């Protein structure tokens, strides 16, 4: 597998004043669109297994749980998810 571009967003959070309904979806959609414009065909991301709001957001956006892409990650603590961007 060849990876041409890796983006890393660490601990992204939305300020309370900007945290309106749909804000997370809009940010995720914008990131997906930017990745696709740059030739990405798939997004793989990770979040904590207890971050229920993030897991719900990713599930609603069509992400599926996959094996961790980082050796040694504990699936009881971290969740890796993936989504194919082709056909958008």
PDB file of N, CA and C in Angstrom:
ATOM      1  N   UNK A   1       0.857  -1.175   0.000  1.00  0.00           N
ATOM      2  CA  UNK A   1       0.000   0.000   0.000  1.00  0.00           C
ATOM      3  C   UNK A   1       0.902   1.237   0.000  1.00  0.00           C
ATOM      4  N   UNK A   2       0.558   2.198  -0.815  1.00  0.00           N
ATOM      5  CA  UNK A   2       1.291   3.455  -0.882  1.00  0.00           C
ATOM      6  C   UNK A   2       0.430   4.554  -0.271  1.00  0.00           C
ATOM      7  N   UNK A   3       1.007   5.287   0.649  1.00  0.00           N
ATOM      8  CA  UNK A   3       0.302   6.409   1.270  1.00  0.00           C
ATOM      9  C   UNK A   3       0.965   7.679   0.770  1.00  0.00           C
ATOM     10  N   UNK A   4       0.188   8.498   0.071  1.00  0.00           N
ATOM     11  CA  UNK A   4       0.773   9.706  -0.492  1.00  0.00           C
ATOM     12  C   UNK A   4       0.669  10.899   0.445  1.00  0.00           C
ATOM     13  N   UNK A   5      -0.272  10.860   1.331  1.00  0.00           N
ATOM     14  CA  UNK A   5      -0.470  12.000   2.215  1.00  0.00           C
ATOM     15  C   UNK A   5      -1.108  11.524   3.512  1.00  0.00           C
ATOM     16  N   UNK A   6      -0.552  11.953   4.602  1.00  0.00           N
ATOM     17  CA  UNK A   6      -1.124  11.629   5.909  1.00  0.00           C
ATOM     18  C   UNK A   6      -1.396  12.926   6.634  1.00  0.00           C
ATOM     19  N   UNK A   7      -2.621  13.089   7.084  1.00  0.00           N
ATOM     20  CA  UNK A   7      -2.972  14.247   7.903  1.00  0.00           C
ATOM     21  C   UNK A   7      -3.153  13.747   9.315  1.00  0.00           C
ATOM     22  N   UNK A   8      -2.740  14.531  10.236  1.00  0.00           N
ATOM     23  CA  UNK A   8      -2.860  14.153  11.632  1.00  0.00           C
ATOM     24  C   UNK A   8      -3.553  15.273  12.387  1.00  0.00           C
ATOM     25  N   UNK A   9      -4.715  14.983  12.882  1.00  0.00           N
ATOM     26  CA  UNK A   9      -5.436  15.925  13.736  1.00  0.00           C
ATOM     27  C   UNK A   9      -5.458  15.315  15.126  1.00  0.00           C
ATOM     28  N   UNK A  10      -4.843  15.969  16.046  1.00  0.00           N
ATOM     29  CA  UNK A  10      -4.744  15.439  17.396  1.00  0.00           C
ATOM     30  C   UNK A  10      -5.709  16.152  18.320  1.00  0.00           C
ATOM     31  N   UNK A  11      -6.493  15.356  18.996  1.00  0.00           N
ATOM     32  CA  UNK A  11      -7.357  15.872  20.043  1.00  0.00           C
ATOM     33  C   UNK A  11      -8.152  17.090  19.574  1.00  0.00           C
ATOM     34  N   UNK A  12      -8.814  16.941  18.433  1.00  0.00           N
ATOM     35  CA  UNK A  12      -9.601  18.072  17.952  1.00  0.00           C
ATOM     36  C   UNK A  12     -10.876  18.207  18.786  1.00  0.00           C
ATOM     37  N   UNK A  13     -11.167  19.403  19.121  1.00  0.00           N
ATOM     38  CA  UNK A  13     -12.362  19.713  19.887  1.00  0.00           C
ATOM     39  C   UNK A  13     -12.953  20.989  19.315  1.00  0.00           C
ATOM     40  N   UNK A  14     -14.235  21.135  19.516  1.00  0.00           N
ATOM     41  CA  UNK A  14     -14.924  22.328  19.044  1.00  0.00           C
ATOM     42  C   UNK A  14     -15.197  23.216  20.253  1.00  0.00           C
ATOM     43  N   UNK A  15     -14.847  24.488  20.126  1.00  0.00           N
ATOM     44  CA  UNK A  15     -15.139  25.411  21.224  1.00  0.00           C
ATOM     45  C   UNK A  15     -16.617  25.380  21.543  1.00  0.00           C
ATOM     46  N   UNK A  16     -16.921  25.515  22.803  1.00  0.00           N
ATOM     47  CA  UNK A  16     -18.327  25.492  23.219  1.00  0.00           C
ATOM     48  C   UNK A  16     -19.165  26.521  22.462  1.00  0.00           C
ATOM     49  N   UNK A  17     -18.602  27.694  22.215  1.00  0.00           N
ATOM     50  CA  UNK A  17     -19.360  28.738  21.530  1.00  0.00           C
ATOM     51  C   UNK A  17     -19.645  28.372  20.071  1.00  0.00           C
ATOM     52  N   UNK A  18     -18.836  27.463  19.505  1.00  0.00           N
ATOM     53  CA  UNK A  18     -19.032  27.055  18.116  1.00  0.00           C
ATOM     54  C   UNK A  18     -19.686  25.686  18.001  1.00  0.00           C
ATOM     55  N   UNK A  19     -19.890  25.029  19.126  1.00  0.00           N
ATOM     56  CA  UNK A  19     -20.414  23.676  19.131  1.00  0.00           C
ATOM     57  C   UNK A  19     -21.932  23.689  18.954  1.00  0.00           C
ATOM     58  N   UNK A  20     -22.342  23.905  17.736  1.00  0.00           N
ATOM     59  CA  UNK A  20     -23.762  23.920  17.405  1.00  0.00           C
ATOM     60  C   UNK A  20     -24.121  22.596  16.752  1.00  0.00           C
ATOM     61  N   UNK A  21     -25.401  22.252  16.721  1.00  0.00           N
ATOM     62  CA  UNK A  21     -25.795  21.003  16.059  1.00  0.00           C
ATOM     63  C   UNK A  21     -25.276  20.962  14.619  1.00  0.00           C
ATOM     64  N   UNK A  22     -24.616  19.883  14.274  1.00  0.00           N
ATOM     65  CA  UNK A  22     -24.096  19.713  12.929  1.00  0.00           C
ATOM     66  C   UNK A  22     -22.679  20.206  12.715  1.00  0.00           C
ATOM     67  N   UNK A  23     -22.081  20.840  13.724  1.00  0.00           N
ATOM     68  CA  UNK A  23     -20.722  21.374  13.565  1.00  0.00           C
ATOM     69  C   UNK A  23     -19.716  20.254  13.308  1.00  0.00           C
ATOM     70  N   UNK A  24     -19.792  19.179  14.061  1.00  0.00           N
ATOM     71  CA  UNK A  24     -18.871  18.053  13.872  1.00  0.00           C
ATOM     72  C   UNK A  24     -19.027  17.440  12.489  1.00  0.00           C
ATOM     73  N   UNK A  25     -20.271  17.279  12.049  1.00  0.00           N
ATOM     74  CA  UNK A  25     -20.521  16.723  10.711  1.00  0.00           C
ATOM     75  C   UNK A  25     -19.939  17.625   9.632  1.00  0.00           C
ATOM     76  N   UNK A  26     -20.109  18.927   9.786  1.00  0.00           N
ATOM     77  CA  UNK A  26     -19.600  19.877   8.788  1.00  0.00           C
ATOM     78  C   UNK A  26     -18.076  19.833   8.718  1.00  0.00           C
ATOM     79  N   UNK A  27     -17.422  19.764   9.866  1.00  0.00           N
ATOM     80  CA  UNK A  27     -15.961  19.700   9.897  1.00  0.00           C
ATOM     81  C   UNK A  27     -15.481  18.398   9.262  1.00  0.00           C
ATOM     82  N   UNK A  28     -16.107  17.290   9.622  1.00  0.00           N
ATOM     83  CA  UNK A  28     -15.714  15.997   9.070  1.00  0.00           C
ATOM     84  C   UNK A  28     -15.931  15.968   7.556  1.00  0.00           C
ATOM     85  N   UNK A  29     -17.040  16.483   7.098  1.00  0.00           N
ATOM     86  CA  UNK A  29     -17.334  16.533   5.661  1.00  0.00           C
ATOM     87  C   UNK A  29     -16.294  17.380   4.928  1.00  0.00           C
ATOM     88  N   UNK A  30     -15.920  18.515   5.503  1.00  0.00           N
ATOM     89  CA  UNK A  30     -14.914  19.379   4.880  1.00  0.00           C
ATOM     90  C   UNK A  30     -13.559  18.669   4.798  1.00  0.00           C
ATOM     91  N   UNK A  31     -13.190  17.942   5.844  1.00  0.00           N
ATOM     92  CA  UNK A  31     -11.933  17.199   5.828  1.00  0.00           C
ATOM     93  C   UNK A  31     -11.968  16.080   4.790  1.00  0.00           C
ATOM     94  N   UNK A  32     -13.099  15.380   4.686  1.00  0.00           N
ATOM     95  CA  UNK A  32     -13.242  14.325   3.691  1.00  0.00           C
ATOM     96  C   UNK A  32     -13.145  14.904   2.280  1.00  0.00           C
ATOM     97  N   UNK A  33     -13.821  16.016   2.041  1.00  0.00           N
ATOM     98  CA  UNK A  33     -13.783  16.660   0.725  1.00  0.00           C
ATOM     99  C   UNK A  33     -12.364  17.096   0.366  1.00  0.00           C
ATOM    100  N   UNK A  34     -11.651  17.685   1.326  1.00  0.00           N
ATOM    101  CA  UNK A  34     -10.271  18.128   1.086  1.00  0.00           C
ATOM    102  C   UNK A  34      -9.373  16.930   0.791  1.00  0.00           C
ATOM    103  N   UNK A  35      -9.546  15.856   1.525  1.00  0.00           N
ATOM    104  CA  UNK A  35      -8.740  14.655   1.294  1.00  0.00           C
ATOM    105  C   UNK A  35      -9.015  14.081  -0.092  1.00  0.00           C
ATOM    106  N   UNK A  36     -10.274  14.049  -0.479  1.00  0.00           N
ATOM    107  CA  UNK A  36     -10.625  13.507  -1.787  1.00  0.00           C
ATOM    108  C   UNK A  36     -10.082  14.378  -2.918  1.00  0.00           C
ATOM    109  N   UNK A  37     -10.146  15.691  -2.765  1.00  0.00           N
ATOM    110  CA  UNK A  37      -9.594  16.589  -3.783  1.00  0.00           C
ATOM    111  C   UNK A  37      -8.096  16.368  -3.971  1.00  0.00           C
ATOM    112  N   UNK A  38      -7.433  15.922  -2.928  1.00  0.00           N
ATOM    113  CA  UNK A  38      -5.995  15.677  -2.991  1.00  0.00           C
ATOM    114  C   UNK A  38      -5.676  14.239  -3.404  1.00  0.00           C
ATOM    115  N   UNK A  39      -6.683  13.501  -3.808  1.00  0.00           N
ATOM    116  CA  UNK A  39      -6.465  12.162  -4.338  1.00  0.00           C
ATOM    117  C   UNK A  39      -6.617  11.022  -3.360  1.00  0.00           C
ATOM    118  N   UNK A  40      -7.007  11.298  -2.141  1.00  0.00           N
ATOM    119  CA  UNK A  40      -7.194  10.220  -1.168  1.00  0.00           C
ATOM    120  C   UNK A  40      -8.439   9.420  -1.528  1.00  0.00           C
ATOM    121  N   UNK A  41      -8.329   8.120  -1.350  1.00  0.00           N
ATOM    122  CA  UNK A  41      -9.472   7.251  -1.616  1.00  0.00           C
ATOM    123  C   UNK A  41     -10.077   6.687  -0.346  1.00  0.00           C
ATOM    124  N   UNK A  42      -9.360   6.838   0.758  1.00  0.00           N
ATOM    125  CA  UNK A  42      -9.844   6.272   2.014  1.00  0.00           C
ATOM    126  C   UNK A  42      -9.324   7.107   3.174  1.00  0.00           C
ATOM    127  N   UNK A  43     -10.115   7.175   4.214  1.00  0.00           N
ATOM    128  CA  UNK A  43      -9.697   7.828   5.459  1.00  0.00           C
ATOM    129  C   UNK A  43      -9.693   6.775   6.550  1.00  0.00           C
ATOM    130  N   UNK A  44      -8.634   6.780   7.326  1.00  0.00           N
ATOM    131  CA  UNK A  44      -8.537   5.943   8.517  1.00  0.00           C
ATOM    132  C   UNK A  44      -8.321   6.892   9.685  1.00  0.00           C
ATOM    133  N   UNK A  45      -9.088   6.713  10.725  1.00  0.00           N
ATOM    134  CA  UNK A  45      -8.947   7.587  11.885  1.00  0.00           C
ATOM    135  C   UNK A  45      -9.023   6.771  13.162  1.00  0.00           C
ATOM    136  N   UNK A  46      -8.729   7.430  14.244  1.00  0.00           N
ATOM    137  CA  UNK A  46      -8.742   6.763  15.541  1.00  0.00           C
ATOM    138  C   UNK A  46      -9.337   7.688  16.591  1.00  0.00           C
ATOM    139  N   UNK A  47     -10.052   7.090  17.511  1.00  0.00           N
ATOM    140  CA  UNK A  47     -10.580   7.830  18.652  1.00  0.00           C
ATOM    141  C   UNK A  47     -10.594   6.897  19.858  1.00  0.00           C
ATOM    142  N   UNK A  48     -10.837   7.455  20.999  1.00  0.00           N
ATOM    143  CA  UNK A  48     -10.910   6.647  22.205  1.00  0.00           C
ATOM    144  C   UNK A  48     -12.195   5.827  22.246  1.00  0.00           C
ATOM    145  N   UNK A  49     -12.118   4.648  22.808  1.00  0.00           N
ATOM    146  CA  UNK A  49     -13.282   3.764  22.860  1.00  0.00           C
ATOM    147  C   UNK A  49     -14.395   4.331  23.744  1.00  0.00           C
ATOM    148  N   UNK A  50     -14.068   5.265  24.610  1.00  0.00           N
ATOM    149  CA  UNK A  50     -15.087   5.883  25.475  1.00  0.00           C
ATOM    150  C   UNK A  50     -15.649   7.182  24.906  1.00  0.00           C
ATOM    151  N   UNK A  51     -15.120   7.637  23.789  1.00  0.00           N
ATOM    152  CA  UNK A  51     -15.579   8.890  23.195  1.00  0.00           C
ATOM    153  C   UNK A  51     -16.844   8.620  22.388  1.00  0.00           C
ATOM    154  N   UNK A  52     -17.942   8.478  23.096  1.00  0.00           N
ATOM    155  CA  UNK A  52     -19.208   8.081  22.469  1.00  0.00           C
ATOM    156  C   UNK A  52     -19.713   9.080  21.432  1.00  0.00           C
ATOM    157  N   UNK A  53     -19.501  10.360  21.664  1.00  0.00           N
ATOM    158  CA  UNK A  53     -19.981  11.344  20.697  1.00  0.00           C
ATOM    159  C   UNK A  53     -19.194  11.234  19.391  1.00  0.00           C
ATOM    160  N   UNK A  54     -17.882  11.031  19.473  1.00  0.00           N
ATOM    161  CA  UNK A  54     -17.079  10.864  18.258  1.00  0.00           C
ATOM    162  C   UNK A  54     -17.451   9.571  17.545  1.00  0.00           C
ATOM    163  N   UNK A  55     -17.602   8.482  18.292  1.00  0.00           N
ATOM    164  CA  UNK A  55     -17.978   7.211  17.677  1.00  0.00           C
ATOM    165  C   UNK A  55     -19.329   7.306  16.984  1.00  0.00           C
ATOM    166  N   UNK A  56     -20.277   8.006  17.595  1.00  0.00           N
ATOM    167  CA  UNK A  56     -21.590   8.188  16.975  1.00  0.00           C
ATOM    168  C   UNK A  56     -21.487   9.030  15.706  1.00  0.00           C
ATOM    169  N   UNK A  57     -20.683  10.092  15.750  1.00  0.00           N
ATOM    170  CA  UNK A  57     -20.476  10.936  14.577  1.00  0.00           C
ATOM    171  C   UNK A  57     -19.887  10.122  13.428  1.00  0.00           C
ATOM    172  N   UNK A  58     -18.835   9.353  13.707  1.00  0.00           N
ATOM    173  CA  UNK A  58     -18.178   8.571  12.662  1.00  0.00           C
ATOM    174  C   UNK A  58     -19.092   7.477  12.128  1.00  0.00           C
ATOM    175  N   UNK A  59     -19.859   6.853  12.994  1.00  0.00           N
ATOM    176  CA  UNK A  59     -20.807   5.827  12.558  1.00  0.00           C
ATOM    177  C   UNK A  59     -21.851   6.433  11.617  1.00  0.00           C
ATOM    178  N   UNK A  60     -22.392   7.554  12.005  1.00  0.00           N
ATOM    179  CA  UNK A  60     -23.400   8.229  11.181  1.00  0.00           C
ATOM    180  C   UNK A  60     -22.832   8.649   9.826  1.00  0.00           C
ATOM    181  N   UNK A  61     -21.524   8.960   9.794  1.00  0.00           N
ATOM    182  CA  UNK A  61     -20.871   9.400   8.563  1.00  0.00           C
ATOM    183  C   UNK A  61     -20.416   8.226   7.693  1.00  0.00           C
ATOM    184  N   UNK A  62     -20.642   6.992   8.152  1.00  0.00           N
ATOM    185  CA  UNK A  62     -20.337   5.829   7.331  1.00  0.00           C
ATOM    186  C   UNK A  62     -19.009   5.152   7.593  1.00  0.00           C
ATOM    187  N   UNK A  63     -18.364   5.480   8.698  1.00  0.00           N
ATOM    188  CA  UNK A  63     -17.102   4.842   9.046  1.00  0.00           C
ATOM    189  C   UNK A  63     -17.375   3.483   9.683  1.00  0.00           C
ATOM    190  N   UNK A  64     -16.480   2.523   9.424  1.00  0.00           N
ATOM    191  CA  UNK A  64     -16.601   1.188  10.009  1.00  0.00           C
ATOM    192  C   UNK A  64     -15.340   0.879  10.802  1.00  0.00           C
ATOM    193  N   UNK A  65     -15.505   0.128  11.881  1.00  0.00           N
ATOM    194  CA  UNK A  65     -14.359  -0.221  12.710  1.00  0.00           C
ATOM    195  C   UNK A  65     -13.441  -1.170  11.939  1.00  0.00           C
ATOM    196  N   UNK A  66     -12.134  -0.916  12.035  1.00  0.00           N
ATOM    197  CA  UNK A  66     -11.110  -1.734  11.391  1.00  0.00           C
ATOM    198  C   UNK A  66     -10.015  -2.033  12.409  1.00  0.00           C
ATOM    199  N   UNK A  67      -9.111  -2.919  12.014  1.00  0.00           N
ATOM    200  CA  UNK A  67      -7.969  -3.187  12.890  1.00  0.00           C
ATOM    201  C   UNK A  67      -7.118  -1.932  13.008  1.00  0.00           C
ATOM    202  N   UNK A  68      -6.480  -1.779  14.139  1.00  0.00           N
ATOM    203  CA  UNK A  68      -5.638  -0.608  14.362  1.00  0.00           C
ATOM    204  C   UNK A  68      -4.538  -0.535  13.325  1.00  0.00           C
ATOM    205  N   UNK A  69      -4.220   0.658  12.912  1.00  0.00           N
ATOM    206  CA  UNK A  69      -3.145   0.884  11.954  1.00  0.00           C
ATOM    207  C   UNK A  69      -1.836   1.196  12.670  1.00  0.00           C
ATOM    208  N   UNK A  70      -1.860   1.166  13.995  1.00  0.00           N
ATOM    209  CA  UNK A  70      -0.666   1.418  14.803  1.00  0.00           C
ATOM    210  C   UNK A  70      -0.402   0.176  15.642  1.00  0.00           C
ATOM    211  N   UNK A  71       0.747  -0.417  15.458  1.00  0.00           N
ATOM    212  CA  UNK A  71       1.113  -1.615  16.212  1.00  0.00           C
ATOM    213  C   UNK A  71       1.083  -1.345  17.712  1.00  0.00           C
ATOM    214  N   UNK A  72       0.456  -2.257  18.440  1.00  0.00           N
ATOM    215  CA  UNK A  72       0.456  -2.166  19.890  1.00  0.00           C
ATOM    216  C   UNK A  72      -0.710  -1.395  20.495  1.00  0.00           C
ATOM    217  N   UNK A  73      -1.580  -0.810  19.669  1.00  0.00           N
ATOM    218  CA  UNK A  73      -2.731  -0.093  20.222  1.00  0.00           C
ATOM    219  C   UNK A  73      -3.690  -1.087  20.860  1.00  0.00           C
ATOM    220  N   UNK A  74      -4.233  -0.721  21.986  1.00  0.00           N
ATOM    221  CA  UNK A  74      -5.176  -1.563  22.711  1.00  0.00           C
ATOM    222  C   UNK A  74      -6.590  -1.250  22.233  1.00  0.00           C
ATOM    223  N   UNK A  75      -7.278  -2.204  21.599  1.00  0.00           N
ATOM    224  CA  UNK A  75      -8.629  -1.935  21.093  1.00  0.00           C
ATOM    225  C   UNK A  75      -9.653  -1.665  22.205  1.00  0.00           C
ATOM    226  N   UNK A  76      -9.288  -1.971  23.444  1.00  0.00           N
ATOM    227  CA  UNK A  76     -10.171  -1.631  24.554  1.00  0.00           C
ATOM    228  C   UNK A  76     -10.095  -0.138  24.872  1.00  0.00           C
ATOM    229  N   UNK A  77      -9.027   0.514  24.423  1.00  0.00           N
ATOM    230  CA  UNK A  77      -8.818   1.936  24.683  1.00  0.00           C
ATOM    231  C   UNK A  77      -9.010   2.765  23.417  1.00  0.00           C
ATOM    232  N   UNK A  78      -8.490   2.272  22.293  1.00  0.00           N
ATOM    233  CA  UNK A  78      -8.518   3.019  21.029  1.00  0.00           C
ATOM    234  C   UNK A  78      -9.352   2.285  19.992  1.00  0.00           C
ATOM    235  N   UNK A  79     -10.062   3.034  19.174  1.00  0.00           N
ATOM    236  CA  UNK A  79     -10.844   2.472  18.077  1.00  0.00           C
ATOM    237  C   UNK A  79     -10.373   3.062  16.767  1.00  0.00           C
ATOM    238  N   UNK A  80     -10.004   2.216  15.833  1.00  0.00           N
ATOM    239  CA  UNK A  80      -9.655   2.634  14.485  1.00  0.00           C
ATOM    240  C   UNK A  80     -10.888   2.450  13.600  1.00  0.00           C
ATOM    241  N   UNK A  81     -11.141   3.435  12.741  1.00  0.00           N
ATOM    242  CA  UNK A  81     -12.287   3.384  11.840  1.00  0.00           C
ATOM    243  C   UNK A  81     -11.831   3.808  10.455  1.00  0.00           C
ATOM    244  N   UNK A  82     -12.557   3.359   9.439  1.00  0.00           N
ATOM    245  CA  UNK A  82     -12.173   3.663   8.077  1.00  0.00           C
ATOM    246  C   UNK A  82     -13.406   3.917   7.222  1.00  0.00           C
ATOM    247  N   UNK A  83     -13.193   4.699   6.159  1.00  0.00           N
ATOM    248  CA  UNK A  83     -14.263   4.996   5.200  1.00  0.00           C
ATOM    249  C   UNK A  83     -13.642   5.166   3.816  1.00  0.00           C
ATOM    250  N   UNK A  84     -14.241   4.532   2.820  1.00  0.00           N
ATOM    251  CA  UNK A  84     -13.821   4.708   1.431  1.00  0.00           C
ATOM    252  C   UNK A  84     -14.470   5.954   0.881  1.00  0.00           C
ATOM    253  N   UNK A  85     -13.684   6.773   0.193  1.00  0.00           N
ATOM    254  CA  UNK A  85     -14.179   8.037  -0.348  1.00  0.00           C
ATOM    255  C   UNK A  85     -14.594   7.928  -1.806  1.00  0.00           C
ATOM    256  N   UNK A  86     -14.273   6.870  -2.468  1.00  0.00           N
ATOM    257  CA  UNK A  86     -14.608   6.709  -3.876  1.00  0.00           C
ATOM    258  C   UNK A  86     -16.112   6.793  -4.077  1.00  0.00           C
ATOM    259  N   UNK A  87     -16.501   7.414  -5.177  1.00  0.00           N
ATOM    260  CA  UNK A  87     -17.919   7.489  -5.514  1.00  0.00           C
ATOM    261  C   UNK A  87     -18.679   8.597  -4.841  1.00  0.00           C
ATOM    262  N   UNK A  88     -17.961   9.492  -4.162  1.00  0.00           N
ATOM    263  CA  UNK A  88     -18.641  10.605  -3.498  1.00  0.00           C
ATOM    264  C   UNK A  88     -18.989  11.652  -4.499  1.00  0.00           C
TER     265      UNK A  88
END
